[in-house]
Amino acid sequence: METREKVLIIGGGFAGLQLAKTLNNKNKKVILLDCVNHHMFQPLFYQVACGRIEPSNISFPFRKIFQRSRNTQFRLTEVKEIIPSENKVITDEAEFSYDKLVIATGCKTNFFGNLEMENRAFGMKNTQEAISIRNHVLMTFEKLILEKTRSSEGNWNIVIVGSGPTGVELAGAFAEMKKDILPRDYPYMNFDNLKIILVSSTDMPLAVMSDEAQKKSEQYLKELGVTFMSGETVTEYNGDKVIMKSGKEIPSNNVIWAAGVTGNVVSGFPEDKLIRNRYVVDRYNRVKGYDNIYAIGDIAYMETPKYVHAHPQVANVAITQAKNLGKNFLKKSENEWKEYEYEDKGSLATIGKHRAVVDLPFFKFQGFLAWYFWMFLHLMLILSVRNKLAVFFNWMWSYFNKDSSLRLIILPNKKNETLQ
């Protein structure tokens, strides 16, 4: 009896999950490792942070996804080290062998070595961080209504560092929350003091998009009352003040860092296998210097004629690389393998209700039509029908009522240390 090839996948983000689905119920033994038990739809984390949708609506348990699989297994564990010479992966719970290893560990928030910022500001790369932002912002107002003497400017300001899609979408969502929701939740508080401040190192928001998108997004931010600070680099944050390279300071107890990402690198590879914290791979996503180790998605650095400085770290690259690699794995011979090249399908961002920008390869548009396009596309990308319906219902309720009922403050349970 022929032994099935064992494919070990580290990480269940867009890339890892798509690869596992491509190989599902095929003649391979697939093991998916992740330190959480669910896949997360990251493009909508900002809506979790603003209380618009529940985390469960954009989180999908791996065991549910592969419930009926004949060849795919999931293991909840954290990878500590890869030993390529032994075809072995070491985790905090066990050791796993492999015939082919695929690293799909994605990215984490890049604080650029600023430990002070890392310890005090909020990132937004996983469900826990999005929930923490929601808890912290809502707790701010709960405290303010009780401790009226502490209504300093820093208690009110919400500062978002980074003006890419995540930063812009967060700023727009918080601005709408300030206008439509918070005054109803806290009728005796004056929210004129609440400022949403978007700090950008570039002159315009959404610097990676077209000039039309940049100008329109800046206009939308101003219409929503967001303060856009361009050409500013944050150097320090002490928990009370954000300090800029220019010397400007912003008092704030609510700082969200959306200024970049860096790869989740696993121990076990020499430095020459990495460029900018991404594994150097060939056109088949094979890691430089190895025959049976691959990297896909945000963690992969692949130079091609179209992308001489590697592909952008976006979901569509991760998904299409995984599909291409999965199809290659299923071919009889490596001579039949197909090289990867990314076909840019465009980019988009939303900045509040009826405000969005869309850049397609041959067509660019903004406004309410772009907003509906953004909603439809994201709804279609969510995995299950049940989750699509739940998100759609929440969006429709918010659309007509300008409200939601999802502003739960869920804090960790504090055990009595005297009983430990």
Protein backbone atom coordinates (compact mmCIF):
# COMPACT_ATOMS: atom_id res chain seq x y z
CA MET A 1 0.00 0.00 0.00
CA GLU A 2 1.36 3.39 -1.02
CA THR A 3 2.21 5.68 1.91
CA ARG A 4 0.64 9.10 1.66
CA GLU A 5 2.99 12.07 1.66
CA LYS A 6 2.74 14.06 4.92
CA VAL A 7 2.31 17.83 4.47
CA LEU A 8 2.73 19.84 7.66
CA ILE A 9 1.30 23.38 7.59
CA ILE A 10 2.25 25.93 10.25
CA GLY A 11 -0.42 28.64 10.55
CA GLY A 12 -4.09 28.77 9.68
CA GLY A 13 -4.42 32.28 8.28
CA PHE A 14 -5.53 32.99 4.71
CA ALA A 15 -2.54 31.13 3.23
CA GLY A 16 -2.42 28.10 5.54
CA LEU A 17 -6.17 27.55 5.50
CA GLN A 18 -6.40 27.85 1.70
CA LEU A 19 -3.59 25.33 1.24
CA ALA A 20 -5.27 22.88 3.63
CA LYS A 21 -8.56 23.30 1.75
CA THR A 22 -6.85 22.77 -1.61
CA LEU A 23 -5.33 19.50 -0.33
CA ASN A 24 -8.47 18.45 1.55
CA ASN A 25 -9.66 14.93 0.72
CA LYS A 26 -6.77 14.41 -1.68
CA ASN A 27 -4.05 11.76 -1.56
CA LYS A 28 -1.99 13.59 1.07
CA LYS A 29 -1.81 13.45 4.85
CA VAL A 30 -2.27 17.04 6.01
CA ILE A 31 -1.62 18.32 9.52
CA LEU A 32 -2.41 21.96 10.31
CA LEU A 33 -0.75 23.52 13.37
CA ASP A 34 -1.88 26.77 14.97
CA CYS A 35 -1.67 28.37 18.42
CA VAL A 36 -5.38 29.29 18.27
CA ASN A 37 -8.21 26.94 17.32
CA HIS A 38 -9.81 29.15 14.67
CA HIS A 39 -9.24 31.05 11.45
CA MET A 40 -9.85 34.79 11.68
CA PHE A 41 -11.14 37.09 8.94
CA GLN A 42 -8.69 39.91 9.61
CA PRO A 43 -10.10 42.58 7.24
CA LEU A 44 -13.05 43.05 9.62
CA PHE A 45 -11.13 43.19 12.91
CA TYR A 46 -11.69 46.93 13.01
CA GLN A 47 -15.47 46.34 13.15
CA VAL A 48 -14.97 44.07 16.16
CA ALA A 49 -12.89 46.82 17.78
CA CYS A 50 -15.73 49.29 17.25
CA GLY A 51 -18.51 46.97 18.44
CA ARG A 52 -20.17 46.56 15.05
CA ILE A 53 -19.87 42.79 14.73
CA GLU A 54 -19.14 39.97 17.14
CA PRO A 55 -15.77 38.16 17.01
CA SER A 56 -17.59 34.84 16.49
CA ASN A 57 -19.04 36.14 13.23
CA ILE A 58 -15.60 36.39 11.64
CA SER A 59 -13.92 33.46 13.42
CA PHE A 60 -14.12 29.89 12.15
CA PRO A 61 -13.01 26.86 14.23
CA PHE A 62 -10.62 24.65 12.28
CA ARG A 63 -12.24 21.49 13.60
CA LYS A 64 -15.58 22.67 12.23
CA ILE A 65 -14.07 23.53 8.83
CA PHE A 66 -12.47 20.08 8.51
CA GLN A 67 -15.15 18.15 10.37
CA ARG A 68 -15.80 15.83 7.42
CA SER A 69 -12.28 15.65 6.09
CA ARG A 70 -10.72 12.26 5.43
CA ASN A 71 -7.11 13.42 5.41
CA THR A 72 -6.74 16.72 7.28
CA GLN A 73 -6.01 16.94 10.99
CA PHE A 74 -5.68 19.98 13.25
CA ARG A 75 -3.43 20.34 16.29
CA LEU A 76 -3.67 23.24 18.74
CA THR A 77 -0.07 23.98 19.66
CA GLU A 78 2.57 26.69 19.39
CA VAL A 79 5.58 26.04 17.18
CA LYS A 80 8.91 26.71 18.88
CA GLU A 81 11.50 25.51 16.39
CA ILE A 82 12.04 23.87 13.02
CA ILE A 83 14.89 21.34 12.62
CA PRO A 84 15.29 21.04 8.81
CA SER A 85 18.09 18.45 9.04
CA GLU A 86 15.69 16.05 10.80
CA ASN A 87 12.46 17.02 8.98
CA LYS A 88 11.05 17.84 12.37
CA VAL A 89 8.99 20.64 13.98
CA ILE A 90 9.17 21.19 17.75
CA THR A 91 6.13 22.66 19.51
CA ASP A 92 5.36 23.39 23.15
CA GLU A 93 3.42 20.11 23.37
CA ALA A 94 4.90 17.64 20.90
CA GLU A 95 7.17 16.94 17.93
CA PHE A 96 5.93 16.54 14.36
CA SER A 97 7.72 14.99 11.39
CA TYR A 98 7.00 15.90 7.77
CA ASP A 99 7.71 15.08 4.17
CA LYS A 100 6.89 18.62 3.10
CA LEU A 101 6.72 21.60 5.45
CA VAL A 102 4.80 24.78 4.62
CA ILE A 103 5.33 27.89 6.75
CA ALA A 104 2.28 30.16 6.69
CA THR A 105 2.76 32.02 9.95
CA GLY A 106 1.75 35.41 8.59
CA CYS A 107 2.56 38.70 10.27
CA LYS A 108 2.32 40.49 13.58
CA THR A 109 2.24 44.19 14.41
CA ASN A 110 5.59 45.88 13.77
CA PHE A 111 6.49 48.29 16.56
CA PHE A 112 9.95 48.84 14.97
CA GLY A 113 11.75 47.86 18.16
CA ASN A 114 9.94 50.40 20.33
CA LEU A 115 9.24 48.30 23.45
CA GLU A 116 7.52 51.21 25.20
CA MET A 117 5.03 51.49 22.35
CA GLU A 118 4.63 47.71 22.17
CA ASN A 119 3.78 47.51 25.88
CA ARG A 120 1.37 50.45 25.98
CA ALA A 121 -0.31 50.77 22.57
CA PHE A 122 -2.79 48.33 21.01
CA GLY A 123 -2.04 46.32 17.91
CA MET A 124 -4.81 44.73 15.84
CA LYS A 125 -3.61 41.50 14.27
CA ASN A 126 -5.78 38.98 16.12
CA THR A 127 -9.17 38.57 17.74
CA GLN A 128 -7.88 39.16 21.26
CA GLU A 129 -6.32 42.49 20.31
CA ALA A 130 -9.52 43.68 18.59
CA ILE A 131 -11.58 42.77 21.67
CA SER A 132 -9.02 44.52 23.90
CA ILE A 133 -9.43 47.74 21.91
CA ARG A 134 -13.22 47.54 22.25
CA ASN A 135 -12.96 46.89 26.00
CA HIS A 136 -10.44 49.67 26.60
CA VAL A 137 -12.28 52.36 24.62
CA LEU A 138 -15.64 51.55 26.21
CA MET A 139 -14.10 51.39 29.69
CA THR A 140 -12.70 54.87 29.10
CA PHE A 141 -16.20 56.32 28.91
CA GLU A 142 -17.47 54.23 31.80
CA LYS A 143 -14.70 55.69 33.94
CA LEU A 144 -15.25 59.21 32.67
CA ILE A 145 -18.92 59.21 33.60
CA LEU A 146 -17.98 58.17 37.16
CA GLU A 147 -14.82 60.22 37.63
CA LYS A 148 -15.93 63.52 36.17
CA THR A 149 -12.99 65.34 37.75
CA ARG A 150 -10.62 63.33 35.54
CA SER A 151 -12.06 64.52 32.24
CA SER A 152 -8.66 65.61 30.92
CA GLU A 153 -7.98 65.85 27.21
CA GLY A 154 -5.98 62.63 27.29
CA ASN A 155 -9.02 60.65 28.46
CA TRP A 156 -10.91 61.66 25.34
CA ASN A 157 -8.46 61.41 22.46
CA ILE A 158 -8.35 58.24 20.36
CA VAL A 159 -5.06 58.19 18.45
CA ILE A 160 -4.50 55.82 15.52
CA VAL A 161 -0.94 55.58 14.21
CA GLY A 162 -0.71 54.57 10.56
CA SER A 163 -2.85 55.65 7.61
CA GLY A 164 -3.06 52.44 5.59
CA PRO A 165 -6.44 50.69 5.12
CA THR A 166 -6.56 49.49 8.76
CA GLY A 167 -5.89 52.94 10.20
CA VAL A 168 -8.26 54.74 7.85
CA GLU A 169 -11.10 52.25 8.38
CA LEU A 170 -10.67 52.41 12.17
CA ALA A 171 -10.70 56.21 12.15
CA GLY A 172 -13.88 56.31 10.08
CA ALA A 173 -15.62 53.74 12.29
CA PHE A 174 -14.73 55.53 15.52
CA ALA A 175 -15.84 58.86 14.02
CA GLU A 176 -19.26 57.39 13.22
CA MET A 177 -19.39 55.84 16.69
CA LYS A 178 -18.75 59.29 18.19
CA LYS A 179 -21.53 60.86 16.13
CA ASP A 180 -24.29 58.24 16.15
CA ILE A 181 -23.79 55.82 19.04
CA LEU A 182 -21.92 57.23 22.03
CA PRO A 183 -24.27 60.22 22.58
CA ARG A 184 -27.17 57.77 22.90
CA ASP A 185 -25.25 55.43 25.23
CA TYR A 186 -24.02 58.31 27.41
CA PRO A 187 -26.68 61.03 27.12
CA TYR A 188 -25.18 63.21 29.88
CA MET A 189 -21.71 63.43 28.35
CA ASN A 190 -20.51 66.02 25.85
CA PHE A 191 -18.60 64.25 23.09
CA ASP A 192 -17.34 67.45 21.49
CA ASN A 193 -14.15 66.78 23.46
CA LEU A 194 -13.66 63.39 21.81
CA LYS A 195 -11.11 63.67 19.01
CA ILE A 196 -10.24 60.92 16.56
CA ILE A 197 -6.65 61.60 15.47
CA LEU A 198 -4.98 59.74 12.60
CA VAL A 199 -1.19 60.11 12.59
CA SER A 200 0.51 59.43 9.25
CA SER A 201 4.17 59.40 8.23
CA THR A 202 3.03 60.09 4.65
CA ASP A 203 1.47 63.25 3.26
CA MET A 204 -1.79 61.53 2.31
CA PRO A 205 -3.79 58.58 3.68
CA LEU A 206 -3.77 55.26 1.78
CA ALA A 207 -0.36 56.00 0.24
CA VAL A 208 -0.29 52.63 -1.60
CA MET A 209 -3.48 53.46 -3.52
CA SER A 210 -4.14 55.85 -6.42
CA ASP A 211 -4.02 59.64 -6.16
CA GLU A 212 -7.81 59.72 -6.56
CA ALA A 213 -8.27 57.32 -3.66
CA GLN A 214 -5.85 59.28 -1.48
CA LYS A 215 -7.53 62.64 -2.10
CA LYS A 216 -11.02 61.21 -1.64
CA SER A 217 -10.12 59.38 1.56
CA GLU A 218 -8.64 62.57 3.02
CA GLN A 219 -11.86 64.38 2.11
CA TYR A 220 -13.98 61.67 3.76
CA LEU A 221 -11.89 61.79 6.94
CA LYS A 222 -12.35 65.55 7.19
CA GLU A 223 -16.11 65.23 6.59
CA LEU A 224 -16.28 62.77 9.50
CA GLY A 225 -14.35 65.12 11.76
CA VAL A 226 -11.16 63.04 11.93
CA THR A 227 -7.98 65.03 12.59
CA PHE A 228 -5.41 63.92 10.01
CA MET A 229 -1.80 64.65 10.98
CA SER A 230 0.40 64.11 7.91
CA GLY A 231 4.16 63.76 7.72
CA GLU A 232 4.49 62.86 11.40
CA THR A 233 6.47 59.99 12.90
CA VAL A 234 5.67 58.74 16.39
CA THR A 235 8.79 58.18 18.51
CA GLU A 236 7.45 57.70 22.05
CA TYR A 237 4.32 56.84 24.00
CA ASN A 238 4.43 56.81 27.81
CA GLY A 239 0.81 55.81 28.38
CA ASP A 240 -0.37 59.42 28.67
CA LYS A 241 1.25 61.25 25.76
CA VAL A 242 2.12 60.43 22.16
CA ILE A 243 5.34 62.19 21.19
CA MET A 244 6.25 62.93 17.58
CA LYS A 245 9.68 63.31 15.95
CA SER A 246 8.74 66.93 15.22
CA GLY A 247 8.30 67.56 18.96
CA LYS A 248 4.50 67.70 18.84
CA GLU A 249 2.63 65.88 21.61
CA ILE A 250 -0.87 64.42 21.82
CA PRO A 251 -2.36 63.50 25.21
CA SER A 252 -4.11 60.15 24.95
CA ASN A 253 -4.89 57.00 26.92
CA ASN A 254 -6.21 55.23 23.81
CA VAL A 255 -3.50 54.59 21.20
CA ILE A 256 -3.87 52.03 18.41
CA TRP A 257 -0.79 51.11 16.37
CA ALA A 258 -1.56 50.34 12.71
CA ALA A 259 1.74 51.49 11.25
CA GLY A 260 3.14 48.28 9.85
CA VAL A 261 3.65 44.54 10.13
CA THR A 262 6.58 42.16 10.40
CA GLY A 263 6.83 38.44 9.74
CA ASN A 264 6.20 35.77 12.39
CA VAL A 265 9.53 34.02 11.87
CA VAL A 266 10.05 30.55 13.37
CA SER A 267 13.40 29.69 14.94
CA GLY A 268 15.61 27.28 13.02
CA PHE A 269 16.77 29.15 9.91
CA PRO A 270 19.96 31.15 9.33
CA GLU A 271 19.72 34.90 8.68
CA ASP A 272 20.58 34.54 4.98
CA LYS A 273 17.21 32.84 4.43
CA LEU A 274 15.40 36.05 5.41
CA ILE A 275 14.83 39.45 3.85
CA ARG A 276 12.93 41.98 5.95
CA ASN A 277 11.78 39.18 8.25
CA ARG A 278 10.34 37.14 5.37
CA TYR A 279 11.60 33.79 4.08
CA VAL A 280 13.29 34.06 0.69
CA VAL A 281 11.49 31.70 -1.69
CA ASP A 282 11.71 30.79 -5.36
CA ARG A 283 8.86 31.04 -7.87
CA TYR A 284 7.40 27.80 -6.45
CA ASN A 285 7.41 29.17 -2.87
CA ARG A 286 10.29 26.84 -1.92
CA VAL A 287 12.51 28.35 0.80
CA LYS A 288 16.02 29.13 -0.43
CA GLY A 289 18.39 26.21 0.20
CA TYR A 290 15.77 23.57 1.01
CA ASP A 291 14.06 20.94 -1.13
CA ASN A 292 10.99 20.28 1.00
CA ILE A 293 10.33 23.49 2.96
CA TYR A 294 8.00 26.17 1.60
CA ALA A 295 6.68 29.54 2.74
CA ILE A 296 3.48 31.22 1.55
CA GLY A 297 1.59 34.43 2.22
CA ASP A 298 2.88 37.39 4.21
CA ILE A 299 5.90 35.46 5.46
CA ALA A 300 7.20 34.70 1.92
CA TYR A 301 9.61 36.98 0.06
CA MET A 302 9.41 36.18 -3.66
CA GLU A 303 10.99 38.37 -6.33
CA THR A 304 9.39 38.20 -9.78
CA PRO A 305 9.63 40.32 -12.95
CA LYS A 306 6.46 42.17 -11.97
CA TYR A 307 7.34 42.42 -8.28
CA VAL A 308 11.10 42.93 -7.99
CA HIS A 309 10.80 43.80 -4.29
CA ALA A 310 8.40 40.95 -3.48
CA HIS A 311 4.61 40.87 -3.41
CA PRO A 312 2.45 43.06 -1.17
CA GLN A 313 1.45 41.49 2.15
CA VAL A 314 -2.27 41.24 1.40
CA ALA A 315 -4.83 38.45 1.66
CA ASN A 316 -5.20 37.87 -2.07
CA VAL A 317 -1.49 37.11 -2.47
CA ALA A 318 -1.68 34.62 0.41
CA ILE A 319 -4.75 32.89 -1.03
CA THR A 320 -3.46 32.64 -4.61
CA GLN A 321 0.02 31.47 -3.52
CA ALA A 322 -1.62 28.74 -1.43
CA LYS A 323 -3.83 27.65 -4.33
CA ASN A 324 -0.87 27.52 -6.71
CA LEU A 325 1.29 25.55 -4.27
CA GLY A 326 -1.54 23.14 -3.45
CA LYS A 327 -2.13 22.44 -7.14
CA ASN A 328 1.60 21.88 -7.64
CA PHE A 329 1.71 19.40 -4.74
CA LEU A 330 -1.07 17.40 -6.41
CA LYS A 331 0.74 17.04 -9.75
CA LYS A 332 2.56 13.82 -10.53
CA SER A 333 5.91 15.41 -11.24
CA GLU A 334 7.66 18.65 -10.28
CA ASN A 335 8.29 19.13 -14.00
CA GLU A 336 4.59 19.98 -14.27
CA TRP A 337 4.72 22.61 -11.52
CA LYS A 338 3.61 26.12 -12.34
CA GLU A 339 5.53 29.21 -11.25
CA TYR A 340 3.63 31.81 -9.23
CA GLU A 341 2.90 35.33 -10.35
CA TYR A 342 0.44 37.68 -8.74
CA GLU A 343 -2.25 39.31 -10.81
CA ASP A 344 -3.26 42.42 -8.92
CA LYS A 345 -7.06 42.45 -8.60
CA GLY A 346 -7.04 45.92 -7.04
CA SER A 347 -7.39 47.39 -3.58
CA LEU A 348 -10.15 49.07 -1.60
CA ALA A 349 -10.93 50.70 1.74
CA THR A 350 -14.01 52.08 3.46
CA ILE A 351 -14.15 55.27 5.51
CA GLY A 352 -17.62 55.14 7.04
CA LYS A 353 -21.11 54.77 5.62
CA HIS A 354 -21.39 55.49 1.88
CA ARG A 355 -17.71 56.44 1.85
CA ALA A 356 -15.24 54.05 0.24
CA VAL A 357 -12.50 54.03 -2.39
CA VAL A 358 -11.86 51.24 -4.90
CA ASP A 359 -8.87 50.88 -7.23
CA LEU A 360 -9.37 48.17 -9.86
CA PRO A 361 -6.75 47.54 -12.57
CA PHE A 362 -8.71 49.42 -15.23
CA PHE A 363 -11.28 51.33 -13.23
CA LYS A 364 -11.27 53.52 -10.13
CA PHE A 365 -14.32 54.78 -8.28
CA GLN A 366 -15.33 56.24 -4.94
CA GLY A 367 -18.42 57.04 -2.91
CA PHE A 368 -21.58 55.07 -2.18
CA LEU A 369 -21.13 52.66 -5.13
CA ALA A 370 -17.62 51.83 -3.89
CA TRP A 371 -19.04 51.32 -0.38
CA TYR A 372 -21.62 48.80 -1.62
CA PHE A 373 -18.90 47.05 -3.63
CA TRP A 374 -16.71 46.85 -0.51
CA MET A 375 -19.60 45.39 1.53
CA PHE A 376 -20.49 42.79 -1.10
CA LEU A 377 -16.89 41.64 -1.61
CA HIS A 378 -16.19 41.22 2.11
CA LEU A 379 -19.48 39.45 2.66
CA MET A 380 -18.67 36.96 -0.10
CA LEU A 381 -15.20 36.28 1.34
CA ILE A 382 -16.56 35.28 4.77
CA LEU A 383 -16.52 31.48 5.00
CA SER A 384 -19.87 30.12 6.14
CA VAL A 385 -23.42 30.95 5.10
CA ARG A 386 -24.43 31.36 8.75
CA ASN A 387 -21.68 33.90 9.33
CA LYS A 388 -22.51 35.75 6.12
CA LEU A 389 -26.10 36.10 7.30
CA ALA A 390 -25.07 37.22 10.79
CA VAL A 391 -22.73 39.90 9.48
CA PHE A 392 -25.28 41.02 6.87
CA PHE A 393 -27.98 41.32 9.56
CA ASN A 394 -25.70 43.38 11.80
CA TRP A 395 -24.73 45.64 8.90
CA MET A 396 -28.35 46.19 7.87
CA TRP A 397 -29.40 46.91 11.46
CA SER A 398 -26.58 49.43 11.77
CA TYR A 399 -27.41 50.91 8.35
CA PHE A 400 -31.03 51.70 9.16
CA ASN A 401 -30.75 52.26 12.90
CA LYS A 402 -27.24 53.76 13.12
CA ASP A 403 -26.68 51.54 16.13
CA SER A 404 -25.70 48.05 17.27
CA SER A 405 -26.16 46.06 20.45
CA LEU A 406 -22.69 44.50 20.47
CA ARG A 407 -20.81 46.87 22.76
CA LEU A 408 -20.02 44.27 25.40
CA ILE A 409 -17.16 44.84 27.81
CA ILE A 410 -15.65 41.38 28.41
CA LEU A 411 -12.69 41.44 30.78
CA PRO A 412 -10.57 38.50 31.98
CA ASN A 413 -11.74 36.88 35.20
CA LYS A 414 -9.59 37.88 38.17
CA LYS A 415 -9.02 34.90 40.46
CA ASN A 416 -8.58 35.31 44.19
CA GLU A 417 -4.82 34.97 44.60
CA THR A 418 -5.18 34.05 48.30
CA LEU A 419 -6.82 30.78 47.23
CA GLN A 420 -4.08 29.78 44.80
